[in-house]
Protein backbone atom coordinates (compact mmCIF):
# COMPACT_ATOMS: atom_id res chain seq x y z
CA MET A 1 -54.49 -18.50 100.24
CA ASN A 2 -57.45 -17.62 101.88
CA ARG A 3 -61.19 -17.42 99.93
CA ARG A 4 -60.48 -13.21 99.96
CA SER A 5 -56.95 -13.22 98.77
CA ALA A 6 -58.13 -15.92 95.97
CA LEU A 7 -61.11 -13.84 94.80
CA LYS A 8 -58.81 -11.36 94.51
CA ASN A 9 -56.63 -12.71 92.68
CA ILE A 10 -58.78 -14.42 89.61
CA GLY A 11 -60.71 -10.72 89.12
CA LEU A 12 -63.85 -11.31 90.17
CA GLY A 13 -64.88 -8.01 92.26
CA SER A 14 -67.94 -10.05 93.85
CA ILE A 15 -69.16 -13.61 93.65
CA LEU A 16 -72.37 -15.09 95.30
CA LEU A 17 -73.31 -18.89 94.83
CA SER A 18 -76.34 -19.26 95.70
CA PRO A 19 -79.52 -20.92 94.73
CA SER A 20 -81.26 -17.95 96.39
CA PHE A 21 -80.77 -14.09 96.27
CA GLY A 22 -83.20 -11.96 97.94
CA PHE A 23 -84.07 -8.51 96.55
CA SER A 24 -81.46 -5.94 97.04
CA LYS A 25 -81.26 -3.03 99.78
CA THR A 26 -80.16 -0.25 98.44
CA ALA A 27 -83.60 0.76 95.88
CA THR A 28 -85.53 4.20 96.71
CA ALA A 29 -88.87 5.16 96.76
CA SER A 30 -88.88 5.63 93.22
CA ALA A 31 -91.03 3.18 91.01
CA PRO A 32 -89.27 0.03 88.83
CA VAL A 33 -90.48 0.77 85.29
CA LEU A 34 -90.23 -2.80 83.98
CA ARG A 35 -90.72 -6.19 85.63
CA ILE A 36 -89.53 -8.96 83.44
CA ALA A 37 -89.04 -12.96 84.80
CA HIS A 38 -86.37 -14.35 82.98
CA LEU A 39 -87.24 -18.72 82.27
CA THR A 40 -84.78 -20.86 80.74
CA ASP A 41 -84.10 -24.34 80.37
CA VAL A 42 -87.63 -25.72 80.14
CA HIS A 43 -86.69 -28.29 78.43
CA LEU A 44 -90.44 -29.07 77.43
CA LYS A 45 -92.06 -32.68 76.25
CA ASP A 46 -95.20 -34.90 77.26
CA ASP A 47 -93.13 -36.49 79.91
CA PHE A 48 -91.59 -36.06 83.12
CA ASP A 49 -95.12 -34.62 84.14
CA ALA A 50 -93.31 -31.67 82.40
CA PRO A 51 -96.54 -30.40 80.53
CA ALA A 52 -98.12 -29.76 83.95
CA LYS A 53 -95.24 -27.72 86.02
CA TYR A 54 -94.75 -25.98 83.37
CA VAL A 55 -98.01 -24.58 83.80
CA LYS A 56 -97.67 -24.49 87.22
CA CYS A 57 -94.49 -21.91 86.79
CA LEU A 58 -96.39 -19.45 84.23
CA HIS A 59 -98.99 -19.17 86.35
CA HIS A 60 -96.42 -18.86 89.44
CA VAL A 61 -94.72 -15.55 87.37
CA GLN A 62 -98.77 -14.50 86.53
CA GLN A 63 -99.92 -14.28 89.98
CA GLN A 64 -96.82 -12.40 91.27
CA SER A 65 -97.66 -8.72 91.99
CA PRO A 66 -97.02 -6.50 90.71
CA LYS A 67 -97.61 -8.80 87.90
CA ALA A 68 -94.55 -9.04 85.15
CA ASP A 69 -94.93 -7.14 81.95
CA LEU A 70 -92.52 -9.57 80.19
CA ILE A 71 -90.78 -12.96 79.94
CA LEU A 72 -87.17 -13.66 78.39
CA ASN A 73 -86.92 -17.34 77.61
CA GLY A 74 -83.02 -17.75 77.43
CA GLY A 75 -83.52 -20.61 75.35
CA ASP A 76 -84.26 -24.64 75.66
CA ILE A 77 -87.30 -24.00 74.99
CA VAL A 78 -88.18 -27.72 73.60
CA PHE A 79 -86.66 -30.97 75.35
CA ASP A 80 -84.30 -31.41 72.66
CA MET A 81 -83.86 -31.04 68.83
CA ASN A 82 -80.12 -32.62 68.61
CA LYS A 83 -80.22 -35.62 66.14
CA GLU A 84 -83.89 -36.08 66.51
CA GLN A 85 -86.98 -37.54 64.58
CA LEU A 86 -88.60 -34.97 62.66
CA SER A 87 -92.12 -36.16 64.37
CA ALA A 88 -90.74 -35.80 68.00
CA ILE A 89 -89.26 -32.36 67.04
CA GLU A 90 -92.88 -31.32 66.18
CA GLY A 91 -94.66 -32.55 68.82
CA GLN A 92 -92.34 -30.41 71.38
CA TRP A 93 -93.58 -27.54 69.64
CA LYS A 94 -97.12 -27.52 68.96
CA LEU A 95 -96.80 -28.39 73.21
CA THR A 96 -95.15 -25.32 73.25
CA HIS A 97 -97.37 -23.32 71.36
CA ARG A 98 -100.45 -25.09 73.03
CA ILE A 99 -99.20 -24.36 76.12
CA LEU A 100 -98.32 -20.70 76.52
CA LYS A 101 -101.84 -19.80 74.53
CA GLU A 102 -104.37 -21.25 76.68
CA GLU A 103 -101.63 -20.73 80.16
CA CYS A 104 -100.21 -17.07 79.57
CA SER A 105 -100.85 -14.30 78.77
CA ILE A 106 -97.47 -12.01 79.12
CA PRO A 107 -95.59 -10.99 76.51
CA LEU A 108 -92.07 -13.34 75.10
CA HIS A 109 -89.26 -12.89 73.89
CA TYR A 110 -86.95 -16.02 72.89
CA CYS A 111 -83.39 -16.72 72.16
CA LEU A 112 -82.72 -20.16 71.09
CA GLY A 113 -80.99 -22.51 73.06
CA ASN A 114 -78.75 -25.31 71.65
CA HIS A 115 -81.47 -28.01 72.09
CA ASP A 116 -83.65 -26.15 69.96
CA ILE A 117 -81.34 -26.20 67.01
CA TRP A 118 -81.20 -29.52 64.86
CA TRP A 119 -77.56 -30.82 64.54
CA ASP A 120 -77.16 -33.78 62.33
CA GLU A 121 -74.35 -33.88 60.18
CA ASN A 122 -76.16 -36.92 57.77
CA ASN A 123 -78.93 -34.70 57.21
CA LYS A 124 -77.85 -31.33 56.07
CA GLY A 125 -79.45 -30.86 53.40
CA GLN A 126 -82.63 -30.63 54.88
CA THR A 127 -84.68 -27.70 55.45
CA ILE A 128 -85.02 -27.67 58.61
CA TYR A 129 -80.71 -28.34 59.17
CA GLY A 130 -79.49 -25.59 62.07
CA LYS A 131 -81.46 -22.94 63.27
CA LYS A 132 -84.24 -22.26 60.70
CA TYR A 133 -86.89 -24.57 62.25
CA ALA A 134 -86.83 -23.35 65.44
CA LEU A 135 -86.68 -20.00 64.11
CA ASP A 136 -89.57 -19.83 62.00
CA GLN A 137 -91.86 -21.20 65.00
CA LEU A 138 -90.79 -18.06 66.79
CA GLN A 139 -91.48 -16.22 64.28
CA LEU A 140 -88.02 -14.63 64.13
CA SER A 141 -86.41 -13.31 61.24
CA LYS A 142 -82.90 -13.51 62.91
CA PRO A 143 -81.80 -15.76 65.86
CA TYR A 144 -80.22 -12.27 67.13
CA TYR A 145 -81.93 -9.07 67.81
CA SER A 146 -82.55 -5.83 69.67
CA PHE A 147 -85.76 -3.94 71.07
CA MET A 148 -86.82 -1.35 73.66
CA LYS A 149 -88.65 -1.41 76.54
CA ASN A 150 -89.60 1.01 78.65
CA GLY A 151 -86.49 3.37 78.43
CA TRP A 152 -84.49 0.26 78.60
CA LYS A 153 -82.59 -1.49 75.76
CA PHE A 154 -83.36 -5.30 75.25
CA ILE A 155 -80.12 -7.26 73.58
CA VAL A 156 -80.85 -10.87 72.71
CA LEU A 157 -77.57 -12.83 71.80
CA ASP A 158 -76.93 -16.00 69.92
CA SER A 159 -74.93 -17.86 71.96
CA VAL A 160 -74.90 -21.50 70.42
CA HIS A 161 -72.73 -21.67 67.13
CA LEU A 162 -71.13 -25.14 65.53
CA ASP A 163 -67.65 -26.28 67.00
CA ILE A 164 -64.88 -26.52 64.62
CA ASP A 165 -65.40 -30.46 63.84
CA GLN A 166 -69.00 -28.94 62.92
CA THR A 167 -70.24 -31.83 64.88
CA TRP A 168 -70.88 -30.44 68.36
CA TYR A 169 -71.08 -26.76 69.51
CA ILE A 170 -69.48 -23.53 71.48
CA GLY A 171 -70.21 -20.42 73.11
CA LYS A 172 -69.30 -17.75 71.01
CA LEU A 173 -70.98 -14.77 68.68
CA GLY A 174 -69.18 -15.28 65.73
CA GLU A 175 -67.77 -12.14 63.76
CA GLU A 176 -70.63 -10.80 62.48
CA GLN A 177 -72.86 -10.80 65.23
CA PHE A 178 -69.87 -9.36 67.24
CA LEU A 179 -69.27 -6.16 64.91
CA TRP A 180 -73.85 -5.87 65.01
CA LEU A 181 -73.03 -5.92 69.13
CA GLU A 182 -70.59 -3.58 68.53
CA LYS A 183 -72.80 -1.31 66.53
CA GLU A 184 -75.74 -1.51 68.58
CA LEU A 185 -74.36 -0.70 71.45
CA GLN A 186 -72.38 2.70 69.60
CA GLN A 187 -75.99 3.40 68.40
CA THR A 188 -77.32 3.26 71.87
CA GLN A 189 -77.68 6.58 74.19
CA ALA A 190 -74.79 6.45 76.87
CA ASP A 191 -78.15 7.18 78.63
CA THR A 192 -79.90 3.85 77.78
CA PRO A 193 -79.56 1.27 80.07
CA VAL A 194 -78.66 -1.97 78.77
CA LEU A 195 -79.77 -5.65 79.33
CA ILE A 196 -78.18 -8.87 76.96
CA MET A 197 -79.48 -11.74 77.38
CA SER A 198 -77.52 -15.57 76.07
CA HIS A 199 -78.44 -18.49 76.45
CA ILE A 200 -74.85 -19.90 76.92
CA PRO A 201 -73.05 -17.52 79.90
CA ILE A 202 -70.83 -15.27 79.05
CA LEU A 203 -69.28 -14.72 82.23
CA THR A 204 -70.16 -17.31 85.44
CA ALA A 205 -68.66 -19.21 88.41
CA THR A 206 -70.57 -22.41 88.03
CA LEU A 207 -68.12 -24.05 86.10
CA MET A 208 -66.00 -24.18 88.95
CA ILE A 209 -68.85 -26.62 91.00
CA GLU A 210 -66.78 -29.60 90.56
CA ASP A 211 -66.88 -32.78 92.72
CA ASP A 212 -63.56 -34.09 91.99
CA ILE A 213 -61.25 -31.23 91.59
CA VAL A 214 -57.56 -31.45 92.54
CA ASN A 215 -55.63 -28.16 92.11
CA LYS A 216 -57.69 -27.44 88.00
CA TRP A 217 -60.28 -26.61 86.71
CA GLU A 218 -61.65 -27.67 83.41
CA MET A 219 -63.96 -25.17 81.41
CA LEU A 220 -65.49 -26.36 78.21
CA GLY A 221 -66.30 -23.92 75.04
CA GLY A 222 -69.93 -25.59 75.22
CA ASP A 223 -70.47 -24.61 78.88
CA MET A 224 -69.37 -21.09 78.74
CA HIS A 225 -68.74 -18.65 75.67
CA THR A 226 -64.93 -18.54 74.51
CA ASP A 227 -64.88 -14.63 73.43
CA THR A 228 -65.57 -13.67 76.74
CA ALA A 229 -62.49 -11.42 77.32
CA LYS A 230 -63.85 -9.67 74.02
CA ILE A 231 -66.95 -8.84 74.83
CA ILE A 232 -65.90 -8.13 78.19
CA LYS A 233 -63.67 -5.78 76.76
CA LEU A 234 -66.74 -4.13 74.54
CA PHE A 235 -68.78 -3.62 77.70
CA TYR A 236 -65.96 -1.68 79.19
CA GLN A 237 -66.43 1.14 76.78
CA HIS A 238 -70.21 1.02 77.24
CA PRO A 239 -70.99 1.37 81.41
CA ASN A 240 -74.49 1.56 80.26
CA VAL A 241 -74.30 -2.33 79.95
CA LYS A 242 -75.79 -3.25 83.52
CA LEU A 243 -76.86 -6.62 83.38
CA CYS A 244 -76.21 -9.94 81.61
CA LEU A 245 -78.62 -13.25 81.91
CA SER A 246 -78.21 -16.58 80.55
CA GLY A 247 -79.04 -20.32 81.52
CA HIS A 248 -77.77 -22.84 80.06
CA ILE A 249 -75.86 -24.52 83.10
CA HIS A 250 -79.48 -25.10 85.04
CA LEU A 251 -77.88 -23.49 88.20
CA ARG A 252 -77.72 -20.08 90.07
CA ASP A 253 -75.28 -17.91 90.14
CA LYS A 254 -74.16 -13.97 90.08
CA VAL A 255 -70.92 -12.41 89.09
CA THR A 256 -70.30 -9.04 88.87
CA TYR A 257 -67.21 -8.09 87.14
CA ASN A 258 -66.18 -4.24 86.27
CA ASP A 259 -69.85 -2.77 87.36
CA VAL A 260 -71.56 -5.54 84.77
CA THR A 261 -74.23 -8.67 86.61
CA TYR A 262 -74.28 -11.94 85.23
CA ILE A 263 -76.11 -13.84 86.23
CA CYS A 264 -76.85 -17.22 85.25
CA ASN A 265 -80.35 -18.54 86.31
CA GLY A 266 -81.49 -22.17 87.43
CA ALA A 267 -83.85 -24.00 85.17
CA VAL A 268 -87.64 -24.20 85.10
CA SER A 269 -87.27 -27.79 84.52
CA GLY A 270 -84.55 -28.37 86.67
CA ALA A 271 -82.57 -31.20 86.43
CA TRP A 272 -84.48 -32.25 83.45
CA TRP A 273 -87.96 -32.46 85.23
CA LYS A 274 -86.32 -35.02 87.76
CA GLY A 275 -85.84 -32.71 90.83
CA ASN A 276 -82.78 -30.18 91.96
CA LYS A 277 -79.87 -29.58 89.84
CA ARG A 278 -77.72 -29.77 93.00
CA GLU A 279 -78.05 -27.39 94.95
CA THR A 280 -80.84 -25.01 92.37
CA ALA A 281 -84.35 -25.99 92.66
CA PRO A 282 -86.61 -25.61 89.50
CA GLY A 283 -87.65 -21.39 89.17
CA TYR A 284 -86.85 -18.41 87.65
CA GLY A 285 -85.40 -14.77 87.94
CA LEU A 286 -87.75 -12.32 88.55
CA ILE A 287 -86.33 -8.21 87.85
CA ASP A 288 -87.40 -5.31 88.54
CA LEU A 289 -85.91 -2.66 86.33
CA TYR A 290 -85.15 0.93 86.94
CA ALA A 291 -84.83 4.36 84.71
CA ASP A 292 -81.31 4.93 86.28
CA GLY A 293 -80.32 1.62 84.92
CA ARG A 294 -80.33 -0.18 88.83
CA PHE A 295 -82.02 -3.19 89.13
CA GLU A 296 -83.63 -5.47 92.20
CA GLU A 297 -83.74 -9.65 91.37
CA ARG A 298 -84.31 -12.72 92.82
CA TYR A 299 -84.58 -16.29 92.14
CA VAL A 300 -87.99 -17.51 92.92
CA ASN A 301 -88.45 -21.53 93.29
CA TYR A 302 -92.00 -21.76 92.30
């Protein structure tokens, strides 16, 4: 089976796998209504020279011309909260707040990553168990929400949930959040373009990049949404859903399916502050949004 046939058979209209994409050539002379920077998987802690590198990234974003109007942080904000000591967790968040206060003048919106959640099955009785600690740090009442900006609707999803054994995570929305998303899209005017952000990818081709594949791939529920088909079916009913951003994998890819573009951007931290993750260098996404739902985007190695 040749490559063209293989792609056709798995139903992906187009897949682009590359650490770097330039802006598309389809833009018209009309000006963008909004420029956003997508920073994900910062994994900040006071080690690996991470604070200085994060500051360098933030300065790089703010030196773009035109300047970004908004930063979308795709989760894994701090290095790791899973089963960590409270003192370590507090240190990571204090460092995050200090750097952003001193080094970033662009408004931010966040979603939670799996490393922003305190899961320790031996301490479920503590008030910070689960997502509450991170939500309090970010001054969010819920881990999923929406907002409007310059004619675009942004929907931020909570894609990280406990698996059935209650000790690790899986990518999904859950029934309550899915019904909320369905209602959000129903109540959005059909001519209002929609951008979705999740931590775990809704759809990605990065999971097919392995070294030792013989004749099949294994895709784990913690690496991509397990309710992908259900979400894609919902998006198909709402053609104004234009772009879905995610991170989590620390690799960069771009998948277009049913006229929705799914971009998994590389990590600000790269391979957890130890260089590139495979062929994807540390970086962030830069996206120009147009009033008619078009967008131009590229991945920036800072």
